[in-house]
Amino acid sequence: MKQTLLLLLLVSGVNIALAQRTTWSVNIAPSISHRLPQTKTLPALEESVRNGERPMHTFDFGIDFRTAINDHWYVGTALLYSQKGFANTHVDIPYPNIRVSRAHIIDFIQNYLEIPFFVTRTVFKNDRFQLYPMVGVTNSLLIAEKNRVAVRGGEVDKDVEEALTKPYLRTKQVHNIGLLGGFGIQASVDPKTFIGLEAQSKVMLSPLADISSQSQRNLYSVGLNFRFVRTLR
């Protein structure tokens, strides 16, 4: 009985969605990722670790679906491969037991399967263009995390590289919740085809714990989402 009821609810939901104007799109979103700053006074070790961290170029890639509630409001979801992280140029600080020089650089990289849920509201619309803000939440499932090691002006020693590939950060949980917000513009190519551009920002609510200094800070990313949109109905 429960299975039949769930199936009926699913079929009803699909029928309601298809009865409205629904679009799907391919999303390519280059971004810059980093950790949020801490405003409080930090101990010397934490301050040294933070001073070595730098933003890193990352990206999101995937598809989304958006359904109209009325002429102004849309609800949407997406399935994205999402990369986050940041760089550190003071590698000797978080790895005090490894003999490394300041020439070493590491990129801390996290790869996620991300499923956001969001709403948009059209604030301007004519025959060709529409503008809208967006807000929502992200569900990120951690796939893998690693350090990418490099040396400025030289080659990486294999033993040092192997020791530095272990991240000095710890992710507390596989499933992470975040917030997203932004503003977008969409232009029509034909009645069923559109191109769009969205300025987006995302903040992970689950902090990263620094193993060496015990600090905890949240990742964020800022980027541009290029969309190639088709109308289903």
C-alpha atoms as a PDB file:
ATOM      1  CA  MET A   1       0.000   0.000   0.000  1.00  0.00           C
ATOM      2  CA  LYS A   2       2.820   2.414   0.919  1.00  0.00           C
ATOM      3  CA  GLN A   3       4.697   1.622  -2.290  1.00  0.00           C
ATOM      4  CA  THR A   4       1.544   2.256  -4.350  1.00  0.00           C
ATOM      5  CA  LEU A   5       0.939   5.580  -2.591  1.00  0.00           C
ATOM      6  CA  LEU A   6       4.555   6.705  -3.154  1.00  0.00           C
ATOM      7  CA  LEU A   7       4.302   5.747  -6.823  1.00  0.00           C
ATOM      8  CA  LEU A   8       1.068   7.727  -7.200  1.00  0.00           C
ATOM      9  CA  LEU A   9       2.652  10.764  -5.521  1.00  0.00           C
ATOM     10  CA  LEU A  10       5.700  10.521  -7.792  1.00  0.00           C
ATOM     11  CA  VAL A  11       3.557  10.237 -10.928  1.00  0.00           C
ATOM     12  CA  SER A  12       1.397  13.156  -9.770  1.00  0.00           C
ATOM     13  CA  GLY A  13       4.483  15.291  -9.096  1.00  0.00           C
ATOM     14  CA  VAL A  14       5.926  14.538 -12.531  1.00  0.00           C
ATOM     15  CA  ASN A  15       2.604  15.358 -14.198  1.00  0.00           C
ATOM     16  CA  ILE A  16       2.356  18.669 -12.325  1.00  0.00           C
ATOM     17  CA  ALA A  17       5.924  19.586 -13.279  1.00  0.00           C
ATOM     18  CA  LEU A  18       5.390  18.707 -16.931  1.00  0.00           C
ATOM     19  CA  ALA A  19       2.163  20.721 -16.988  1.00  0.00           C
ATOM     20  CA  GLN A  20       4.223  23.845 -16.264  1.00  0.00           C
ATOM     21  CA  ARG A  21       6.963  25.454 -18.327  1.00  0.00           C
ATOM     22  CA  THR A  22      10.110  23.425 -17.581  1.00  0.00           C
ATOM     23  CA  THR A  23      13.649  23.975 -18.844  1.00  0.00           C
ATOM     24  CA  TRP A  24      16.866  21.996 -18.621  1.00  0.00           C
ATOM     25  CA  SER A  25      20.354  23.363 -19.117  1.00  0.00           C
ATOM     26  CA  VAL A  26      24.033  22.473 -19.291  1.00  0.00           C
ATOM     27  CA  ASN A  27      26.047  24.443 -16.711  1.00  0.00           C
ATOM     28  CA  ILE A  28      29.755  25.323 -16.881  1.00  0.00           C
ATOM     29  CA  ALA A  29      30.863  27.471 -13.945  1.00  0.00           C
ATOM     30  CA  PRO A  30      34.519  28.516 -13.430  1.00  0.00           C
ATOM     31  CA  SER A  31      35.024  29.936  -9.956  1.00  0.00           C
ATOM     32  CA  ILE A  32      37.486  31.038  -7.285  1.00  0.00           C
ATOM     33  CA  SER A  33      37.453  29.091  -4.025  1.00  0.00           C
ATOM     34  CA  HIS A  34      38.962  29.904  -0.625  1.00  0.00           C
ATOM     35  CA  ARG A  35      38.253  29.718   3.125  1.00  0.00           C
ATOM     36  CA  LEU A  36      36.381  32.452   4.981  1.00  0.00           C
ATOM     37  CA  PRO A  37      38.658  34.687   7.097  1.00  0.00           C
ATOM     38  CA  GLN A  38      38.583  34.625  10.875  1.00  0.00           C
ATOM     39  CA  THR A  39      38.165  38.044  12.445  1.00  0.00           C
ATOM     40  CA  LYS A  40      39.223  37.078  15.961  1.00  0.00           C
ATOM     41  CA  THR A  41      42.838  37.171  17.105  1.00  0.00           C
ATOM     42  CA  LEU A  42      44.554  33.886  16.298  1.00  0.00           C
ATOM     43  CA  PRO A  43      47.438  32.070  17.987  1.00  0.00           C
ATOM     44  CA  ALA A  44      50.767  32.399  16.162  1.00  0.00           C
ATOM     45  CA  LEU A  45      50.598  28.961  14.514  1.00  0.00           C
ATOM     46  CA  GLU A  46      47.053  29.472  13.210  1.00  0.00           C
ATOM     47  CA  GLU A  47      47.980  32.943  11.941  1.00  0.00           C
ATOM     48  CA  SER A  48      51.006  31.536  10.075  1.00  0.00           C
ATOM     49  CA  VAL A  49      48.890  28.813   8.448  1.00  0.00           C
ATOM     50  CA  ARG A  50      46.233  31.332   7.404  1.00  0.00           C
ATOM     51  CA  ASN A  51      48.800  33.772   5.963  1.00  0.00           C
ATOM     52  CA  GLY A  52      50.047  31.079   3.591  1.00  0.00           C
ATOM     53  CA  GLU A  53      46.626  30.255   2.138  1.00  0.00           C
ATOM     54  CA  ARG A  54      45.601  31.620  -1.246  1.00  0.00           C
ATOM     55  CA  PRO A  55      42.453  31.401  -3.444  1.00  0.00           C
ATOM     56  CA  MET A  56      42.367  28.648  -6.061  1.00  0.00           C
ATOM     57  CA  HIS A  57      40.654  28.347  -9.459  1.00  0.00           C
ATOM     58  CA  THR A  58      37.895  25.705  -9.339  1.00  0.00           C
ATOM     59  CA  PHE A  59      34.750  24.833 -11.301  1.00  0.00           C
ATOM     60  CA  ASP A  60      31.260  23.296 -11.338  1.00  0.00           C
ATOM     61  CA  PHE A  61      29.875  21.277 -14.235  1.00  0.00           C
ATOM     62  CA  GLY A  62      26.503  19.569 -14.734  1.00  0.00           C
ATOM     63  CA  ILE A  63      22.825  19.970 -15.622  1.00  0.00           C
ATOM     64  CA  ASP A  64      19.845  21.649 -13.977  1.00  0.00           C
ATOM     65  CA  PHE A  65      16.057  21.611 -14.283  1.00  0.00           C
ATOM     66  CA  ARG A  66      13.782  24.587 -13.551  1.00  0.00           C
ATOM     67  CA  THR A  67       9.977  24.657 -13.451  1.00  0.00           C
ATOM     68  CA  ALA A  68       7.767  27.761 -13.492  1.00  0.00           C
ATOM     69  CA  ILE A  69       5.323  28.269 -10.620  1.00  0.00           C
ATOM     70  CA  ASN A  70       3.895  31.382 -12.265  1.00  0.00           C
ATOM     71  CA  ASP A  71       5.118  34.192 -14.539  1.00  0.00           C
ATOM     72  CA  HIS A  72       7.770  35.313 -12.039  1.00  0.00           C
ATOM     73  CA  TRP A  73       8.807  32.389  -9.835  1.00  0.00           C
ATOM     74  CA  TYR A  74      10.812  29.266 -10.739  1.00  0.00           C
ATOM     75  CA  VAL A  75      11.938  26.356  -8.587  1.00  0.00           C
ATOM     76  CA  GLY A  76      14.955  24.322  -9.627  1.00  0.00           C
ATOM     77  CA  THR A  77      17.454  21.625  -8.828  1.00  0.00           C
ATOM     78  CA  ALA A  78      20.718  20.458 -10.402  1.00  0.00           C
ATOM     79  CA  LEU A  79      23.214  17.621 -10.517  1.00  0.00           C
ATOM     80  CA  LEU A  80      26.763  19.003 -10.517  1.00  0.00           C
ATOM     81  CA  TYR A  81      30.341  17.803 -10.316  1.00  0.00           C
ATOM     82  CA  SER A  82      31.824  20.465  -8.058  1.00  0.00           C
ATOM     83  CA  GLN A  83      35.457  21.194  -7.190  1.00  0.00           C
ATOM     84  CA  LYS A  84      36.424  23.315  -4.169  1.00  0.00           C
ATOM     85  CA  GLY A  85      39.620  24.120  -2.304  1.00  0.00           C
ATOM     86  CA  PHE A  86      42.470  26.599  -1.915  1.00  0.00           C
ATOM     87  CA  ALA A  87      46.243  26.824  -2.157  1.00  0.00           C
ATOM     88  CA  ASN A  88      48.941  27.145   0.519  1.00  0.00           C
ATOM     89  CA  THR A  89      52.356  28.711  -0.118  1.00  0.00           C
ATOM     90  CA  HIS A  90      53.693  28.214   3.460  1.00  0.00           C
ATOM     91  CA  VAL A  91      53.842  24.432   3.358  1.00  0.00           C
ATOM     92  CA  ASP A  92      56.492  24.165   6.079  1.00  0.00           C
ATOM     93  CA  ILE A  93      54.060  25.547   8.702  1.00  0.00           C
ATOM     94  CA  PRO A  94      51.284  22.890   8.616  1.00  0.00           C
ATOM     95  CA  TYR A  95      53.873  20.128   7.997  1.00  0.00           C
ATOM     96  CA  PRO A  96      56.501  20.736  10.703  1.00  0.00           C
ATOM     97  CA  ASN A  97      57.784  17.144  10.597  1.00  0.00           C
ATOM     98  CA  ILE A  98      58.685  17.297   6.897  1.00  0.00           C
ATOM     99  CA  ARG A  99      61.772  19.130   5.656  1.00  0.00           C
ATOM    100  CA  VAL A 100      60.372  21.321   2.896  1.00  0.00           C
ATOM    101  CA  SER A 101      61.339  24.727   1.574  1.00  0.00           C
ATOM    102  CA  ARG A 102      59.135  27.761   0.944  1.00  0.00           C
ATOM    103  CA  ALA A 103      59.361  26.906  -2.769  1.00  0.00           C
ATOM    104  CA  HIS A 104      56.774  24.153  -2.283  1.00  0.00           C
ATOM    105  CA  ILE A 105      53.086  24.868  -2.995  1.00  0.00           C
ATOM    106  CA  ILE A 106      50.082  22.670  -2.357  1.00  0.00           C
ATOM    107  CA  ASP A 107      46.548  22.895  -3.723  1.00  0.00           C
ATOM    108  CA  PHE A 108      44.022  21.326  -1.359  1.00  0.00           C
ATOM    109  CA  ILE A 109      41.321  19.948  -3.682  1.00  0.00           C
ATOM    110  CA  GLN A 110      37.899  18.558  -2.778  1.00  0.00           C
ATOM    111  CA  ASN A 111      35.622  16.962  -5.364  1.00  0.00           C
ATOM    112  CA  TYR A 112      31.891  16.832  -4.614  1.00  0.00           C
ATOM    113  CA  LEU A 113      28.666  15.565  -6.131  1.00  0.00           C
ATOM    114  CA  GLU A 114      26.443  18.569  -5.537  1.00  0.00           C
ATOM    115  CA  ILE A 115      22.626  18.690  -5.591  1.00  0.00           C
ATOM    116  CA  PRO A 116      21.335  22.238  -4.997  1.00  0.00           C
ATOM    117  CA  PHE A 117      17.706  23.296  -4.549  1.00  0.00           C
ATOM    118  CA  PHE A 118      16.881  26.924  -5.336  1.00  0.00           C
ATOM    119  CA  VAL A 119      14.259  29.471  -6.367  1.00  0.00           C
ATOM    120  CA  THR A 120      14.507  32.380  -8.786  1.00  0.00           C
ATOM    121  CA  ARG A 121      12.248  35.405  -9.263  1.00  0.00           C
ATOM    122  CA  THR A 122      12.106  37.327 -12.534  1.00  0.00           C
ATOM    123  CA  VAL A 123      12.443  41.060 -11.853  1.00  0.00           C
ATOM    124  CA  PHE A 124      12.651  42.184 -15.502  1.00  0.00           C
ATOM    125  CA  LYS A 125      11.424  40.505 -18.675  1.00  0.00           C
ATOM    126  CA  ASN A 126      10.852  41.393 -22.321  1.00  0.00           C
ATOM    127  CA  ASP A 127      10.806  39.464 -25.597  1.00  0.00           C
ATOM    128  CA  ARG A 128      14.559  38.765 -25.509  1.00  0.00           C
ATOM    129  CA  PHE A 129      15.903  39.092 -21.956  1.00  0.00           C
ATOM    130  CA  GLN A 130      15.022  38.362 -18.366  1.00  0.00           C
ATOM    131  CA  LEU A 131      16.818  39.228 -15.125  1.00  0.00           C
ATOM    132  CA  TYR A 132      16.432  37.359 -11.842  1.00  0.00           C
ATOM    133  CA  PRO A 133      17.976  36.899  -8.389  1.00  0.00           C
ATOM    134  CA  MET A 134      18.352  33.362  -7.008  1.00  0.00           C
ATOM    135  CA  VAL A 135      18.738  31.824  -3.556  1.00  0.00           C
ATOM    136  CA  GLY A 136      18.890  28.266  -2.281  1.00  0.00           C
ATOM    137  CA  VAL A 137      20.710  25.503  -0.422  1.00  0.00           C
ATOM    138  CA  THR A 138      23.327  23.013  -1.609  1.00  0.00           C
ATOM    139  CA  ASN A 139      23.758  19.365  -0.688  1.00  0.00           C
ATOM    140  CA  SER A 140      27.355  18.299  -1.312  1.00  0.00           C
ATOM    141  CA  LEU A 141      28.535  14.685  -1.103  1.00  0.00           C
ATOM    142  CA  LEU A 142      32.324  14.391  -0.807  1.00  0.00           C
ATOM    143  CA  ILE A 143      33.836  12.113  -3.468  1.00  0.00           C
ATOM    144  CA  ALA A 144      37.540  12.639  -2.778  1.00  0.00           C
ATOM    145  CA  GLU A 145      40.041  15.112  -1.332  1.00  0.00           C
ATOM    146  CA  LYS A 146      43.757  15.397  -1.963  1.00  0.00           C
ATOM    147  CA  ASN A 147      46.754  17.715  -2.140  1.00  0.00           C
ATOM    148  CA  ARG A 148      48.329  18.600  -5.475  1.00  0.00           C
ATOM    149  CA  VAL A 149      52.015  19.368  -4.874  1.00  0.00           C
ATOM    150  CA  ALA A 150      54.254  21.677  -6.925  1.00  0.00           C
ATOM    151  CA  VAL A 151      57.562  23.517  -6.563  1.00  0.00           C
ATOM    152  CA  ARG A 152      58.200  27.044  -7.782  1.00  0.00           C
ATOM    153  CA  GLY A 153      61.121  26.896 -10.186  1.00  0.00           C
ATOM    154  CA  GLY A 154      61.995  23.225  -9.794  1.00  0.00           C
ATOM    155  CA  GLU A 155      60.928  19.605  -9.595  1.00  0.00           C
ATOM    156  CA  VAL A 156      59.234  17.969  -6.638  1.00  0.00           C
ATOM    157  CA  ASP A 157      61.239  15.454  -4.621  1.00  0.00           C
ATOM    158  CA  LYS A 158      59.283  12.183  -4.788  1.00  0.00           C
ATOM    159  CA  ASP A 159      59.591  11.442  -1.053  1.00  0.00           C
ATOM    160  CA  VAL A 160      58.528  14.966  -0.111  1.00  0.00           C
ATOM    161  CA  GLU A 161      55.673  14.867  -2.628  1.00  0.00           C
ATOM    162  CA  GLU A 162      54.340  11.628  -1.159  1.00  0.00           C
ATOM    163  CA  ALA A 163      54.467  13.071   2.371  1.00  0.00           C
ATOM    164  CA  LEU A 164      52.685  16.284   1.310  1.00  0.00           C
ATOM    165  CA  THR A 165      49.842  14.556  -0.534  1.00  0.00           C
ATOM    166  CA  LYS A 166      48.141  13.825   2.804  1.00  0.00           C
ATOM    167  CA  PRO A 167      45.932  16.882   3.537  1.00  0.00           C
ATOM    168  CA  TYR A 168      46.502  18.812   6.763  1.00  0.00           C
ATOM    169  CA  LEU A 169      42.743  19.472   6.827  1.00  0.00           C
ATOM    170  CA  ARG A 170      39.988  17.161   7.981  1.00  0.00           C
ATOM    171  CA  THR A 171      36.453  17.084   6.620  1.00  0.00           C
ATOM    172  CA  LYS A 172      34.125  16.223   9.482  1.00  0.00           C
ATOM    173  CA  GLN A 173      31.434  14.598   7.361  1.00  0.00           C
ATOM    174  CA  VAL A 174      30.765  13.305   3.861  1.00  0.00           C
ATOM    175  CA  HIS A 175      27.439  15.166   3.454  1.00  0.00           C
ATOM    176  CA  ASN A 176      27.724  18.946   3.718  1.00  0.00           C
ATOM    177  CA  ILE A 177      25.039  21.621   3.591  1.00  0.00           C
ATOM    178  CA  GLY A 178      25.665  25.048   2.115  1.00  0.00           C
ATOM    179  CA  LEU A 179      23.976  28.248   0.982  1.00  0.00           C
ATOM    180  CA  LEU A 180      23.960  29.756  -2.500  1.00  0.00           C
ATOM    181  CA  GLY A 181      22.903  33.104  -3.873  1.00  0.00           C
ATOM    182  CA  GLY A 182      23.343  35.132  -6.998  1.00  0.00           C
ATOM    183  CA  PHE A 183      21.906  37.046  -9.912  1.00  0.00           C
ATOM    184  CA  GLY A 184      21.338  35.919 -13.490  1.00  0.00           C
ATOM    185  CA  ILE A 185      20.473  37.075 -16.988  1.00  0.00           C
ATOM    186  CA  GLN A 186      18.949  34.946 -19.744  1.00  0.00           C
ATOM    187  CA  ALA A 187      18.627  35.744 -23.455  1.00  0.00           C
ATOM    188  CA  SER A 188      16.497  33.922 -26.021  1.00  0.00           C
ATOM    189  CA  VAL A 189      17.991  32.418 -29.178  1.00  0.00           C
ATOM    190  CA  ASP A 190      14.686  31.016 -30.409  1.00  0.00           C
ATOM    191  CA  PRO A 191      11.349  30.212 -28.679  1.00  0.00           C
ATOM    192  CA  LYS A 192      12.823  27.080 -27.049  1.00  0.00           C
ATOM    193  CA  THR A 193      16.542  27.876 -26.759  1.00  0.00           C
ATOM    194  CA  PHE A 194      18.282  30.330 -24.408  1.00  0.00           C
ATOM    195  CA  ILE A 195      21.728  31.238 -23.179  1.00  0.00           C
ATOM    196  CA  GLY A 196      22.327  32.516 -19.664  1.00  0.00           C
ATOM    197  CA  LEU A 197      24.949  33.854 -17.311  1.00  0.00           C
ATOM    198  CA  GLU A 198      24.741  33.781 -13.511  1.00  0.00           C
ATOM    199  CA  ALA A 199      27.010  35.348 -10.898  1.00  0.00           C
ATOM    200  CA  GLN A 200      26.934  32.883  -7.995  1.00  0.00           C
ATOM    201  CA  SER A 201      28.415  32.609  -4.533  1.00  0.00           C
ATOM    202  CA  LYS A 202      28.353  29.515  -2.295  1.00  0.00           C
ATOM    203  CA  VAL A 203      29.325  28.977   1.344  1.00  0.00           C
ATOM    204  CA  MET A 204      29.785  25.575   2.976  1.00  0.00           C
ATOM    205  CA  LEU A 205      28.221  25.524   6.445  1.00  0.00           C
ATOM    206  CA  SER A 206      30.365  22.570   7.587  1.00  0.00           C
ATOM    207  CA  PRO A 207      33.814  23.923   8.557  1.00  0.00           C
ATOM    208  CA  LEU A 208      37.164  22.359   7.700  1.00  0.00           C
ATOM    209  CA  ALA A 209      39.257  21.435  10.733  1.00  0.00           C
ATOM    210  CA  ASP A 210      42.976  22.227  10.531  1.00  0.00           C
ATOM    211  CA  ILE A 211      44.839  19.237  12.011  1.00  0.00           C
ATOM    212  CA  SER A 212      48.040  21.145  12.768  1.00  0.00           C
ATOM    213  CA  SER A 213      46.597  24.323  14.321  1.00  0.00           C
ATOM    214  CA  GLN A 214      43.052  23.152  15.254  1.00  0.00           C
ATOM    215  CA  SER A 215      41.427  26.119  13.507  1.00  0.00           C
ATOM    216  CA  GLN A 216      38.057  25.678  11.780  1.00  0.00           C
ATOM    217  CA  ARG A 217      36.963  27.763   8.819  1.00  0.00           C
ATOM    218  CA  ASN A 218      34.353  27.457   6.086  1.00  0.00           C
ATOM    219  CA  LEU A 219      34.972  27.126   2.356  1.00  0.00           C
ATOM    220  CA  TYR A 220      33.349  29.534  -0.080  1.00  0.00           C
ATOM    221  CA  SER A 221      33.396  30.016  -3.846  1.00  0.00           C
ATOM    222  CA  VAL A 222      32.525  32.890  -6.197  1.00  0.00           C
ATOM    223  CA  GLY A 223      32.035  32.278  -9.901  1.00  0.00           C
ATOM    224  CA  LEU A 224      30.199  32.736 -13.194  1.00  0.00           C
ATOM    225  CA  ASN A 225      27.807  30.047 -14.384  1.00  0.00           C
ATOM    226  CA  PHE A 226      27.442  29.797 -18.175  1.00  0.00           C
ATOM    227  CA  ARG A 227      24.109  28.118 -19.084  1.00  0.00           C
ATOM    228  CA  PHE A 228      22.877  26.586 -22.354  1.00  0.00           C
ATOM    229  CA  VAL A 229      19.109  26.225 -21.910  1.00  0.00           C
ATOM    230  CA  ARG A 230      16.366  24.277 -23.698  1.00  0.00           C
ATOM    231  CA  THR A 231      12.637  24.251 -22.944  1.00  0.00           C
ATOM    232  CA  LEU A 232      11.024  20.863 -22.310  1.00  0.00           C
ATOM    233  CA  ARG A 233       7.472  22.186 -22.560  1.00  0.00           C
END
